[in-house]
Amino acid sequence: MRTSGWKKLAVTVTAALIFSGLSGFAQSGSTDESKRKVKTKTAPLYPELAKRMNVVGKVKIEVVITPDGHVKSTRVVGGHPLLVQACQDAVKEWKFVTAPEETTQVVEFEFHAN
């Protein structure tokens, strides 16, 4: 490959990395600075069946928060099916600080074996 060919390849690869990084950032939700702070939390109960089966791992829930700080809706982003309902039930009880508008963020829970 000639020098100009390498330059074109380098520019193309760099552009692809930049655009893929930007699109990943936009889809990731909110940064730490823009996340709403939690006023009160309820911990999820570890489901008995999940305990007996030694199911561990992370659960991610997307939460839509009203301006007054209540959870409007939830959507499971990922996690073991035996664990997600407990997390959804718990996060629906959370209260967040007030904000001028409705916000959306992802909340992560982690279950460990004892």
N, C-alpha and C. Protein backbone atom coordinates (compact mmCIF):
# COMPACT_ATOMS: atom_id res chain seq x y z
N MET A 1 0.85 -1.17 0.00
CA MET A 1 0.00 0.00 0.00
C MET A 1 0.89 1.23 0.00
N ARG A 2 0.50 2.20 -0.80
CA ARG A 2 1.28 3.44 -0.86
C ARG A 2 0.96 4.32 0.35
N THR A 3 1.77 5.33 0.54
CA THR A 3 1.60 6.22 1.69
C THR A 3 0.22 6.86 1.72
N SER A 4 -0.29 7.32 0.56
CA SER A 4 -1.61 7.96 0.55
C SER A 4 -2.70 6.96 0.92
N GLY A 5 -2.50 5.69 0.57
CA GLY A 5 -3.46 4.64 0.93
C GLY A 5 -3.50 4.45 2.44
N TRP A 6 -2.32 4.49 3.07
CA TRP A 6 -2.26 4.34 4.53
C TRP A 6 -2.93 5.52 5.23
N LYS A 7 -2.74 6.71 4.67
CA LYS A 7 -3.36 7.89 5.26
C LYS A 7 -4.89 7.79 5.19
N LYS A 8 -5.40 7.36 4.04
CA LYS A 8 -6.85 7.21 3.90
C LYS A 8 -7.38 6.17 4.88
N LEU A 9 -6.64 5.07 5.03
CA LEU A 9 -7.05 4.03 5.96
C LEU A 9 -7.05 4.56 7.40
N ALA A 10 -6.01 5.29 7.75
CA ALA A 10 -5.90 5.84 9.11
C ALA A 10 -7.04 6.82 9.39
N VAL A 11 -7.37 7.67 8.41
CA VAL A 11 -8.45 8.63 8.59
C VAL A 11 -9.78 7.90 8.73
N THR A 12 -10.00 6.88 7.92
CA THR A 12 -11.24 6.12 7.98
C THR A 12 -11.40 5.41 9.32
N VAL A 13 -10.33 4.76 9.78
CA VAL A 13 -10.38 4.06 11.05
C VAL A 13 -10.61 5.03 12.20
N THR A 14 -9.91 6.16 12.18
CA THR A 14 -10.07 7.17 13.22
C THR A 14 -11.50 7.70 13.25
N ALA A 15 -12.05 8.00 12.08
CA ALA A 15 -13.42 8.50 12.00
C ALA A 15 -14.41 7.45 12.53
N ALA A 16 -14.18 6.20 12.18
CA ALA A 16 -15.06 5.13 12.65
C ALA A 16 -15.01 5.02 14.17
N LEU A 17 -13.81 5.11 14.74
CA LEU A 17 -13.68 5.04 16.20
C LEU A 17 -14.36 6.20 16.89
N ILE A 18 -14.20 7.38 16.32
CA ILE A 18 -14.81 8.57 16.92
C ILE A 18 -16.33 8.46 16.88
N PHE A 19 -16.88 8.12 15.70
CA PHE A 19 -18.33 8.04 15.57
C PHE A 19 -18.92 6.91 16.39
N SER A 20 -18.23 5.78 16.46
CA SER A 20 -18.76 4.68 17.27
C SER A 20 -18.70 5.05 18.74
N GLY A 21 -17.68 5.76 19.16
CA GLY A 21 -17.58 6.20 20.55
C GLY A 21 -18.67 7.21 20.89
N LEU A 22 -18.95 8.12 19.98
CA LEU A 22 -19.99 9.11 20.24
C LEU A 22 -21.37 8.48 20.29
N SER A 23 -21.64 7.55 19.38
CA SER A 23 -22.96 6.94 19.40
C SER A 23 -23.12 6.08 20.65
N GLY A 24 -22.08 5.43 21.11
CA GLY A 24 -22.15 4.65 22.34
C GLY A 24 -22.40 5.54 23.54
N PHE A 25 -21.82 6.72 23.54
CA PHE A 25 -22.01 7.66 24.64
C PHE A 25 -23.45 8.14 24.67
N ALA A 26 -24.01 8.44 23.54
CA ALA A 26 -25.37 8.96 23.49
C ALA A 26 -26.37 7.91 23.95
N GLN A 27 -26.09 6.66 23.68
CA GLN A 27 -27.03 5.61 24.05
C GLN A 27 -26.85 5.17 25.50
N SER A 28 -25.78 5.55 26.14
CA SER A 28 -25.50 5.04 27.48
C SER A 28 -26.38 5.68 28.54
N GLY A 29 -27.17 6.67 28.19
CA GLY A 29 -28.06 7.28 29.18
C GLY A 29 -27.46 8.55 29.71
N SER A 30 -27.24 8.61 31.01
CA SER A 30 -26.76 9.84 31.61
C SER A 30 -25.40 9.63 32.26
N THR A 31 -24.68 10.72 32.36
CA THR A 31 -23.39 10.66 33.04
C THR A 31 -23.63 10.80 34.53
N ASP A 32 -22.60 10.57 35.33
CA ASP A 32 -22.75 10.66 36.78
C ASP A 32 -23.22 12.04 37.22
N GLU A 33 -22.79 13.09 36.52
CA GLU A 33 -23.16 14.44 36.91
C GLU A 33 -24.65 14.70 36.69
N SER A 34 -25.25 14.05 35.69
CA SER A 34 -26.64 14.34 35.37
C SER A 34 -27.61 13.36 36.02
N LYS A 35 -27.11 12.36 36.75
CA LYS A 35 -28.00 11.41 37.41
C LYS A 35 -28.69 12.07 38.59
N ARG A 36 -29.94 11.71 38.76
CA ARG A 36 -30.70 12.22 39.90
C ARG A 36 -30.25 11.48 41.15
N LYS A 37 -30.10 12.21 42.22
CA LYS A 37 -29.73 11.60 43.49
C LYS A 37 -30.95 10.93 44.11
N VAL A 38 -30.70 9.84 44.81
CA VAL A 38 -31.76 9.08 45.46
C VAL A 38 -31.96 9.62 46.87
N LYS A 39 -33.21 9.93 47.22
CA LYS A 39 -33.53 10.37 48.58
C LYS A 39 -33.78 9.17 49.49
N THR A 40 -34.58 8.21 49.01
CA THR A 40 -34.83 7.00 49.80
C THR A 40 -34.77 5.78 48.88
N LYS A 41 -34.16 4.71 49.42
CA LYS A 41 -33.99 3.47 48.66
C LYS A 41 -34.64 2.32 49.41
N THR A 42 -35.13 1.36 48.65
CA THR A 42 -35.59 0.09 49.19
C THR A 42 -34.73 -0.98 48.53
N ALA A 43 -34.09 -1.83 49.33
CA ALA A 43 -33.25 -2.89 48.77
C ALA A 43 -34.12 -4.02 48.25
N PRO A 44 -33.73 -4.62 47.12
CA PRO A 44 -34.52 -5.75 46.62
C PRO A 44 -34.34 -6.97 47.51
N LEU A 45 -35.40 -7.74 47.65
CA LEU A 45 -35.33 -8.98 48.41
C LEU A 45 -34.75 -10.05 47.48
N TYR A 46 -33.79 -10.81 48.01
CA TYR A 46 -33.17 -11.88 47.23
C TYR A 46 -34.20 -13.02 47.14
N PRO A 47 -34.73 -13.30 45.96
CA PRO A 47 -35.75 -14.35 45.85
C PRO A 47 -35.24 -15.70 46.37
N GLU A 48 -36.09 -16.39 47.12
CA GLU A 48 -35.71 -17.66 47.74
C GLU A 48 -35.24 -18.68 46.71
N LEU A 49 -35.94 -18.78 45.59
CA LEU A 49 -35.56 -19.74 44.55
C LEU A 49 -34.17 -19.39 43.99
N ALA A 50 -33.91 -18.12 43.79
CA ALA A 50 -32.61 -17.68 43.27
C ALA A 50 -31.50 -18.02 44.27
N LYS A 51 -31.79 -17.86 45.58
CA LYS A 51 -30.81 -18.22 46.61
C LYS A 51 -30.49 -19.71 46.56
N ARG A 52 -31.56 -20.53 46.51
CA ARG A 52 -31.36 -21.98 46.51
C ARG A 52 -30.60 -22.44 45.27
N MET A 53 -30.78 -21.73 44.17
CA MET A 53 -30.11 -22.10 42.92
C MET A 53 -28.75 -21.41 42.76
N ASN A 54 -28.36 -20.63 43.78
CA ASN A 54 -27.10 -19.87 43.75
C ASN A 54 -27.00 -18.96 42.54
N VAL A 55 -28.12 -18.30 42.21
CA VAL A 55 -28.13 -17.35 41.10
C VAL A 55 -27.54 -16.03 41.60
N VAL A 56 -26.50 -15.57 40.93
CA VAL A 56 -25.85 -14.31 41.28
C VAL A 56 -25.72 -13.47 40.01
N GLY A 57 -25.39 -12.21 40.19
CA GLY A 57 -25.14 -11.37 39.03
C GLY A 57 -25.75 -9.99 39.16
N LYS A 58 -25.68 -9.26 38.06
CA LYS A 58 -26.17 -7.88 38.02
C LYS A 58 -27.50 -7.82 37.31
N VAL A 59 -28.31 -6.86 37.74
CA VAL A 59 -29.57 -6.55 37.09
C VAL A 59 -29.55 -5.07 36.79
N LYS A 60 -29.90 -4.70 35.57
CA LYS A 60 -29.96 -3.29 35.19
C LYS A 60 -31.40 -2.94 34.84
N ILE A 61 -31.89 -1.88 35.46
CA ILE A 61 -33.26 -1.42 35.26
C ILE A 61 -33.22 0.04 34.80
N GLU A 62 -33.88 0.33 33.70
CA GLU A 62 -34.02 1.71 33.25
C GLU A 62 -35.23 2.30 33.96
N VAL A 63 -35.04 3.44 34.58
CA VAL A 63 -36.07 4.06 35.40
C VAL A 63 -36.43 5.43 34.83
N VAL A 64 -37.73 5.67 34.65
CA VAL A 64 -38.21 6.99 34.26
C VAL A 64 -38.71 7.66 35.53
N ILE A 65 -38.14 8.84 35.83
CA ILE A 65 -38.41 9.54 37.09
C ILE A 65 -39.18 10.83 36.79
N THR A 66 -40.29 11.02 37.49
CA THR A 66 -41.09 12.23 37.31
C THR A 66 -40.37 13.43 37.92
N PRO A 67 -40.77 14.65 37.55
CA PRO A 67 -40.12 15.82 38.13
C PRO A 67 -40.18 15.87 39.66
N ASP A 68 -41.24 15.30 40.26
CA ASP A 68 -41.35 15.34 41.72
C ASP A 68 -40.57 14.22 42.41
N GLY A 69 -39.87 13.37 41.63
CA GLY A 69 -38.98 12.37 42.21
C GLY A 69 -39.53 10.96 42.34
N HIS A 70 -40.75 10.73 41.87
CA HIS A 70 -41.33 9.38 41.93
C HIS A 70 -40.99 8.60 40.67
N VAL A 71 -40.94 7.29 40.79
CA VAL A 71 -40.66 6.43 39.65
C VAL A 71 -41.94 6.27 38.85
N LYS A 72 -41.88 6.68 37.59
CA LYS A 72 -43.04 6.61 36.70
C LYS A 72 -43.14 5.23 36.05
N SER A 73 -41.99 4.72 35.58
CA SER A 73 -41.99 3.41 34.93
C SER A 73 -40.60 2.80 35.00
N THR A 74 -40.56 1.49 34.77
CA THR A 74 -39.29 0.77 34.75
C THR A 74 -39.26 -0.14 33.53
N ARG A 75 -38.04 -0.43 33.09
CA ARG A 75 -37.84 -1.36 31.98
C ARG A 75 -36.56 -2.14 32.25
N VAL A 76 -36.63 -3.45 32.14
CA VAL A 76 -35.46 -4.29 32.38
C VAL A 76 -34.50 -4.14 31.21
N VAL A 77 -33.25 -3.81 31.54
CA VAL A 77 -32.20 -3.70 30.52
C VAL A 77 -31.42 -5.00 30.45
N GLY A 78 -31.23 -5.65 31.59
CA GLY A 78 -30.51 -6.92 31.61
C GLY A 78 -30.50 -7.52 32.99
N GLY A 79 -30.28 -8.83 33.02
CA GLY A 79 -30.19 -9.52 34.30
C GLY A 79 -30.90 -10.85 34.25
N HIS A 80 -30.62 -11.67 35.25
CA HIS A 80 -31.23 -13.00 35.33
C HIS A 80 -32.73 -12.87 35.61
N PRO A 81 -33.56 -13.64 34.89
CA PRO A 81 -35.01 -13.55 35.07
C PRO A 81 -35.49 -13.81 36.50
N LEU A 82 -34.76 -14.60 37.27
CA LEU A 82 -35.17 -14.86 38.65
C LEU A 82 -34.93 -13.65 39.56
N LEU A 83 -34.12 -12.71 39.12
CA LEU A 83 -33.75 -11.56 39.95
C LEU A 83 -34.45 -10.26 39.56
N VAL A 84 -34.89 -10.14 38.30
CA VAL A 84 -35.36 -8.85 37.81
C VAL A 84 -36.62 -8.34 38.50
N GLN A 85 -37.57 -9.21 38.80
CA GLN A 85 -38.83 -8.74 39.40
C GLN A 85 -38.58 -8.13 40.78
N ALA A 86 -37.71 -8.73 41.56
CA ALA A 86 -37.39 -8.18 42.89
C ALA A 86 -36.79 -6.78 42.76
N CYS A 87 -35.97 -6.59 41.74
CA CYS A 87 -35.34 -5.27 41.53
C CYS A 87 -36.37 -4.24 41.07
N GLN A 88 -37.25 -4.65 40.16
CA GLN A 88 -38.29 -3.73 39.71
C GLN A 88 -39.21 -3.33 40.87
N ASP A 89 -39.60 -4.30 41.67
CA ASP A 89 -40.46 -3.99 42.81
C ASP A 89 -39.78 -3.02 43.77
N ALA A 90 -38.49 -3.22 44.02
CA ALA A 90 -37.77 -2.35 44.96
C ALA A 90 -37.60 -0.94 44.40
N VAL A 91 -37.18 -0.82 43.16
CA VAL A 91 -36.89 0.50 42.61
C VAL A 91 -38.16 1.34 42.44
N LYS A 92 -39.30 0.70 42.31
CA LYS A 92 -40.56 1.45 42.22
C LYS A 92 -40.88 2.18 43.52
N GLU A 93 -40.26 1.76 44.61
CA GLU A 93 -40.45 2.40 45.92
C GLU A 93 -39.47 3.54 46.16
N TRP A 94 -38.46 3.67 45.32
CA TRP A 94 -37.44 4.70 45.51
C TRP A 94 -38.04 6.09 45.31
N LYS A 95 -37.43 7.06 46.00
CA LYS A 95 -37.77 8.48 45.82
C LYS A 95 -36.48 9.21 45.46
N PHE A 96 -36.56 10.05 44.42
CA PHE A 96 -35.41 10.81 43.95
C PHE A 96 -35.62 12.29 44.27
N VAL A 97 -34.54 13.06 44.20
CA VAL A 97 -34.66 14.51 44.41
C VAL A 97 -35.46 15.10 43.25
N THR A 98 -36.11 16.22 43.50
CA THR A 98 -36.91 16.86 42.46
C THR A 98 -36.01 17.44 41.37
N ALA A 99 -36.60 17.62 40.20
CA ALA A 99 -35.88 18.18 39.05
C ALA A 99 -36.89 18.93 38.18
N PRO A 100 -36.40 19.80 37.32
CA PRO A 100 -37.32 20.58 36.49
C PRO A 100 -38.09 19.75 35.45
N GLU A 101 -37.56 18.58 35.11
CA GLU A 101 -38.22 17.76 34.09
C GLU A 101 -38.06 16.28 34.37
N GLU A 102 -38.81 15.48 33.65
CA GLU A 102 -38.73 14.02 33.76
C GLU A 102 -37.35 13.56 33.26
N THR A 103 -36.78 12.59 33.95
CA THR A 103 -35.47 12.07 33.53
C THR A 103 -35.52 10.55 33.47
N THR A 104 -34.54 10.00 32.77
CA THR A 104 -34.40 8.56 32.64
C THR A 104 -32.97 8.19 32.97
N GLN A 105 -32.80 7.14 33.76
CA GLN A 105 -31.46 6.66 34.06
C GLN A 105 -31.51 5.17 34.34
N VAL A 106 -30.35 4.55 34.29
CA VAL A 106 -30.24 3.12 34.53
C VAL A 106 -29.72 2.89 35.94
N VAL A 107 -30.41 2.02 36.67
CA VAL A 107 -30.02 1.65 38.03
C VAL A 107 -29.51 0.22 37.98
N GLU A 108 -28.41 -0.04 38.67
CA GLU A 108 -27.81 -1.38 38.65
C GLU A 108 -27.84 -2.00 40.05
N PHE A 109 -28.24 -3.25 40.11
CA PHE A 109 -28.24 -4.03 41.35
C PHE A 109 -27.29 -5.19 41.17
N GLU A 110 -26.68 -5.63 42.27
CA GLU A 110 -25.78 -6.78 42.20
C GLU A 110 -26.12 -7.75 43.32
N PHE A 111 -26.26 -9.02 42.95
CA PHE A 111 -26.55 -10.08 43.90
C PHE A 111 -25.32 -10.95 44.04
N HIS A 112 -24.91 -11.21 45.30
CA HIS A 112 -23.75 -12.03 45.60
C HIS A 112 -24.19 -13.26 46.39
N ALA A 113 -23.44 -14.35 46.22
CA ALA A 113 -23.68 -15.54 47.04
C ALA A 113 -23.07 -15.30 48.42
N ASN A 114 -23.72 -15.75 49.45
CA ASN A 114 -23.19 -15.56 50.83
C ASN A 114 -22.31 -16.69 51.22
